[in-house]
N, C-alpha and C. Protein backbone atom coordinates (compact mmCIF):
# COMPACT_ATOMS: atom_id res chain seq x y z
N MET A 1 -17.29 -10.08 40.29
CA MET A 1 -15.88 -10.40 40.11
C MET A 1 -15.67 -11.36 38.94
N LYS A 2 -16.51 -12.37 38.81
CA LYS A 2 -16.35 -13.33 37.72
C LYS A 2 -16.54 -12.66 36.37
N LEU A 3 -17.46 -11.69 36.31
CA LEU A 3 -17.67 -10.98 35.05
C LEU A 3 -16.40 -10.22 34.64
N GLY A 4 -15.74 -9.61 35.61
CA GLY A 4 -14.49 -8.89 35.33
C GLY A 4 -13.42 -9.82 34.79
N ILE A 5 -13.34 -11.03 35.32
CA ILE A 5 -12.37 -12.01 34.85
C ILE A 5 -12.70 -12.41 33.42
N LYS A 6 -13.99 -12.65 33.14
CA LYS A 6 -14.40 -13.04 31.79
C LYS A 6 -14.09 -11.94 30.78
N ILE A 7 -14.33 -10.70 31.18
CA ILE A 7 -14.04 -9.57 30.29
C ILE A 7 -12.53 -9.49 30.04
N GLY A 8 -11.73 -9.69 31.08
CA GLY A 8 -10.28 -9.67 30.93
C GLY A 8 -9.78 -10.75 29.98
N ILE A 9 -10.34 -11.95 30.09
CA ILE A 9 -9.96 -13.05 29.20
C ILE A 9 -10.36 -12.72 27.77
N PHE A 10 -11.58 -12.19 27.60
CA PHE A 10 -12.04 -11.80 26.26
C PHE A 10 -11.13 -10.74 25.66
N LYS A 11 -10.75 -9.74 26.49
CA LYS A 11 -9.88 -8.67 26.00
C LYS A 11 -8.53 -9.23 25.55
N LYS A 12 -7.96 -10.15 26.31
CA LYS A 12 -6.67 -10.74 25.93
C LYS A 12 -6.79 -11.49 24.60
N LYS A 13 -7.87 -12.26 24.45
CA LYS A 13 -8.08 -12.99 23.19
C LYS A 13 -8.29 -12.01 22.04
N ASN A 14 -9.09 -10.99 22.30
CA ASN A 14 -9.36 -9.98 21.28
C ASN A 14 -8.07 -9.26 20.88
N ASP A 15 -7.25 -8.90 21.86
CA ASP A 15 -5.97 -8.24 21.57
C ASP A 15 -5.07 -9.15 20.74
N ALA A 16 -5.06 -10.43 21.06
CA ALA A 16 -4.23 -11.38 20.31
C ALA A 16 -4.70 -11.48 18.86
N VAL A 17 -6.01 -11.51 18.67
CA VAL A 17 -6.56 -11.56 17.31
C VAL A 17 -6.21 -10.28 16.55
N LEU A 18 -6.38 -9.14 17.19
CA LEU A 18 -6.05 -7.87 16.54
C LEU A 18 -4.56 -7.78 16.20
N ASN A 19 -3.71 -8.24 17.09
CA ASN A 19 -2.27 -8.24 16.82
C ASN A 19 -1.96 -9.13 15.62
N HIS A 20 -2.58 -10.30 15.58
CA HIS A 20 -2.37 -11.22 14.46
C HIS A 20 -2.82 -10.58 13.15
N LEU A 21 -3.99 -9.97 13.15
CA LEU A 21 -4.51 -9.32 11.94
C LEU A 21 -3.63 -8.15 11.51
N ASN A 22 -3.13 -7.39 12.48
CA ASN A 22 -2.23 -6.27 12.14
C ASN A 22 -0.94 -6.77 11.52
N GLU A 23 -0.38 -7.85 12.06
CA GLU A 23 0.84 -8.43 11.49
C GLU A 23 0.57 -8.96 10.08
N TRP A 24 -0.54 -9.66 9.93
CA TRP A 24 -0.90 -10.20 8.62
C TRP A 24 -1.12 -9.06 7.61
N GLY A 25 -1.87 -8.05 8.01
CA GLY A 25 -2.13 -6.91 7.13
C GLY A 25 -0.85 -6.19 6.74
N GLY A 26 0.05 -6.02 7.70
CA GLY A 26 1.33 -5.39 7.42
C GLY A 26 2.15 -6.18 6.42
N ALA A 27 2.13 -7.50 6.56
CA ALA A 27 2.87 -8.37 5.63
C ALA A 27 2.28 -8.27 4.22
N VAL A 28 0.96 -8.24 4.13
CA VAL A 28 0.29 -8.12 2.82
C VAL A 28 0.63 -6.78 2.18
N TYR A 29 0.58 -5.73 2.97
CA TYR A 29 0.88 -4.38 2.49
C TYR A 29 2.32 -4.29 2.00
N ASP A 30 3.26 -4.82 2.79
CA ASP A 30 4.68 -4.81 2.39
C ASP A 30 4.90 -5.61 1.11
N SER A 31 4.27 -6.75 1.03
CA SER A 31 4.41 -7.59 -0.16
C SER A 31 3.86 -6.89 -1.40
N ALA A 32 2.72 -6.23 -1.24
CA ALA A 32 2.12 -5.51 -2.37
C ALA A 32 3.02 -4.36 -2.80
N TYR A 33 3.56 -3.63 -1.84
CA TYR A 33 4.45 -2.52 -2.20
C TYR A 33 5.66 -3.04 -2.98
N LYS A 34 6.26 -4.12 -2.50
CA LYS A 34 7.42 -4.68 -3.20
C LYS A 34 7.05 -5.12 -4.61
N TYR A 35 5.91 -5.74 -4.75
CA TYR A 35 5.46 -6.23 -6.06
C TYR A 35 5.25 -5.07 -7.04
N TYR A 36 4.44 -4.09 -6.63
CA TYR A 36 4.10 -3.00 -7.54
C TYR A 36 5.27 -2.04 -7.75
N SER A 37 6.07 -1.80 -6.73
CA SER A 37 7.21 -0.91 -6.92
C SER A 37 8.26 -1.57 -7.82
N ASN A 38 8.41 -2.88 -7.72
CA ASN A 38 9.32 -3.59 -8.62
C ASN A 38 8.82 -3.50 -10.06
N MET A 39 7.51 -3.61 -10.23
CA MET A 39 6.91 -3.46 -11.56
C MET A 39 7.23 -2.07 -12.11
N ALA A 40 7.10 -1.05 -11.27
CA ALA A 40 7.39 0.33 -11.69
C ALA A 40 8.89 0.51 -11.97
N LYS A 41 9.72 -0.04 -11.11
CA LYS A 41 11.17 0.10 -11.28
C LYS A 41 11.63 -0.52 -12.59
N ASN A 42 11.01 -1.63 -12.97
CA ASN A 42 11.36 -2.27 -14.23
C ASN A 42 11.07 -1.38 -15.44
N GLU A 43 10.19 -0.42 -15.26
CA GLU A 43 9.84 0.51 -16.33
C GLU A 43 10.71 1.76 -16.32
N GLY A 44 11.46 1.97 -15.25
CA GLY A 44 12.36 3.13 -15.17
C GLY A 44 12.24 3.87 -13.85
N GLU A 45 13.28 4.61 -13.53
CA GLU A 45 13.33 5.34 -12.26
C GLU A 45 12.22 6.41 -12.15
N ASN A 46 11.89 7.05 -13.26
CA ASN A 46 10.84 8.07 -13.21
C ASN A 46 9.47 7.45 -12.93
N VAL A 47 9.22 6.30 -13.52
CA VAL A 47 7.95 5.60 -13.25
C VAL A 47 7.91 5.19 -11.78
N LEU A 48 9.03 4.73 -11.26
CA LEU A 48 9.10 4.37 -9.84
C LEU A 48 8.84 5.59 -8.96
N LYS A 49 9.41 6.73 -9.32
CA LYS A 49 9.20 7.96 -8.55
C LYS A 49 7.72 8.33 -8.51
N ILE A 50 7.07 8.27 -9.66
CA ILE A 50 5.64 8.59 -9.71
C ILE A 50 4.85 7.61 -8.85
N PHE A 51 5.15 6.31 -8.99
CA PHE A 51 4.45 5.30 -8.21
C PHE A 51 4.68 5.51 -6.72
N ASP A 52 5.94 5.72 -6.32
CA ASP A 52 6.24 5.94 -4.90
C ASP A 52 5.48 7.14 -4.35
N ASP A 53 5.45 8.21 -5.10
CA ASP A 53 4.71 9.39 -4.65
C ASP A 53 3.24 9.05 -4.44
N TRP A 54 2.66 8.31 -5.36
CA TRP A 54 1.26 7.91 -5.21
C TRP A 54 1.08 7.03 -3.98
N TRP A 55 1.95 6.03 -3.81
CA TRP A 55 1.83 5.07 -2.71
C TRP A 55 1.86 5.80 -1.37
N TYR A 56 2.70 6.82 -1.26
CA TYR A 56 2.86 7.55 0.00
C TYR A 56 2.00 8.81 0.07
N GLY A 57 1.06 8.95 -0.87
CA GLY A 57 0.08 10.03 -0.79
C GLY A 57 0.57 11.39 -1.26
N LYS A 58 1.57 11.44 -2.10
CA LYS A 58 2.11 12.72 -2.58
C LYS A 58 1.93 12.89 -4.08
N TYR A 59 0.99 12.19 -4.67
CA TYR A 59 0.79 12.17 -6.13
C TYR A 59 0.30 13.52 -6.63
N ASN A 60 0.93 14.04 -7.70
CA ASN A 60 0.54 15.31 -8.30
C ASN A 60 0.58 15.18 -9.82
N LYS A 61 -0.53 14.82 -10.40
CA LYS A 61 -0.62 14.54 -11.84
C LYS A 61 -0.12 15.70 -12.69
N GLN A 62 -0.51 16.92 -12.36
CA GLN A 62 -0.12 18.08 -13.17
C GLN A 62 1.39 18.28 -13.17
N GLU A 63 2.02 18.06 -12.02
CA GLU A 63 3.48 18.18 -11.93
C GLU A 63 4.17 17.12 -12.80
N TYR A 64 3.65 15.91 -12.78
CA TYR A 64 4.27 14.82 -13.53
C TYR A 64 4.14 15.01 -15.04
N ILE A 65 3.03 15.57 -15.48
CA ILE A 65 2.83 15.83 -16.92
C ILE A 65 3.91 16.78 -17.44
N VAL A 66 4.29 17.75 -16.62
CA VAL A 66 5.33 18.71 -17.00
C VAL A 66 6.72 18.09 -16.89
N ARG A 67 6.94 17.32 -15.84
CA ARG A 67 8.28 16.82 -15.52
C ARG A 67 8.69 15.56 -16.30
N TYR A 68 7.75 14.67 -16.55
CA TYR A 68 8.07 13.37 -17.15
C TYR A 68 7.42 13.22 -18.53
N THR A 69 7.87 12.22 -19.28
CA THR A 69 7.30 11.99 -20.61
C THR A 69 5.87 11.46 -20.47
N GLU A 70 5.14 11.61 -21.55
CA GLU A 70 3.76 11.11 -21.58
C GLU A 70 3.74 9.60 -21.35
N GLU A 71 4.69 8.91 -21.97
CA GLU A 71 4.76 7.45 -21.81
C GLU A 71 5.01 7.05 -20.36
N GLU A 72 5.94 7.75 -19.69
CA GLU A 72 6.22 7.45 -18.28
C GLU A 72 4.98 7.66 -17.42
N CYS A 73 4.26 8.72 -17.69
CA CYS A 73 3.03 9.00 -16.93
C CYS A 73 1.97 7.93 -17.18
N GLU A 74 1.83 7.52 -18.43
CA GLU A 74 0.83 6.49 -18.76
C GLU A 74 1.18 5.15 -18.13
N VAL A 75 2.46 4.78 -18.17
CA VAL A 75 2.89 3.51 -17.58
C VAL A 75 2.68 3.56 -16.06
N ALA A 76 3.07 4.66 -15.44
CA ALA A 76 2.88 4.80 -13.99
C ALA A 76 1.39 4.74 -13.64
N ASP A 77 0.56 5.42 -14.41
CA ASP A 77 -0.89 5.39 -14.16
C ASP A 77 -1.43 3.96 -14.28
N SER A 78 -0.93 3.21 -15.24
CA SER A 78 -1.38 1.82 -15.41
C SER A 78 -1.01 0.97 -14.19
N ILE A 79 0.20 1.16 -13.69
CA ILE A 79 0.62 0.41 -12.51
C ILE A 79 -0.19 0.83 -11.29
N ILE A 80 -0.44 2.11 -11.16
CA ILE A 80 -1.26 2.61 -10.05
C ILE A 80 -2.66 2.03 -10.12
N LEU A 81 -3.27 2.02 -11.30
CA LEU A 81 -4.61 1.45 -11.45
C LEU A 81 -4.61 -0.05 -11.17
N THR A 82 -3.53 -0.72 -11.53
CA THR A 82 -3.42 -2.15 -11.22
C THR A 82 -3.36 -2.35 -9.71
N ALA A 83 -2.60 -1.51 -9.02
CA ALA A 83 -2.53 -1.60 -7.56
C ALA A 83 -3.89 -1.32 -6.92
N ILE A 84 -4.59 -0.32 -7.45
CA ILE A 84 -5.92 0.01 -6.92
C ILE A 84 -6.88 -1.15 -7.14
N SER A 85 -6.84 -1.75 -8.32
CA SER A 85 -7.75 -2.87 -8.59
C SER A 85 -7.39 -4.09 -7.74
N GLY A 86 -6.14 -4.13 -7.26
CA GLY A 86 -5.72 -5.20 -6.36
C GLY A 86 -6.10 -4.93 -4.91
N GLY A 87 -6.74 -3.80 -4.65
CA GLY A 87 -7.21 -3.49 -3.31
C GLY A 87 -6.33 -2.52 -2.54
N PHE A 88 -5.36 -1.92 -3.21
CA PHE A 88 -4.46 -0.99 -2.53
C PHE A 88 -4.67 0.40 -3.11
N GLY A 89 -5.11 1.31 -2.26
CA GLY A 89 -5.32 2.67 -2.74
C GLY A 89 -6.63 3.13 -2.47
């Protein structure tokens, strides 16, 4: 019986730690999205569209080469690589 109580206490502490880490991770992720998407938005709506698609997993390089200017694609790629080097992606 005492072992069951100890396991229950450990589980509650473990759950609290996991909840804290999830909240912290979510805040970091949200902050990073705001930072990088603002960087993209400052370069133009098309750059933001490319960045948003990448962030949400819908990136299609071949489509963007046809649809957007070379400069927009290069700027978006630079922001994406910056986000990746920052640990996102």
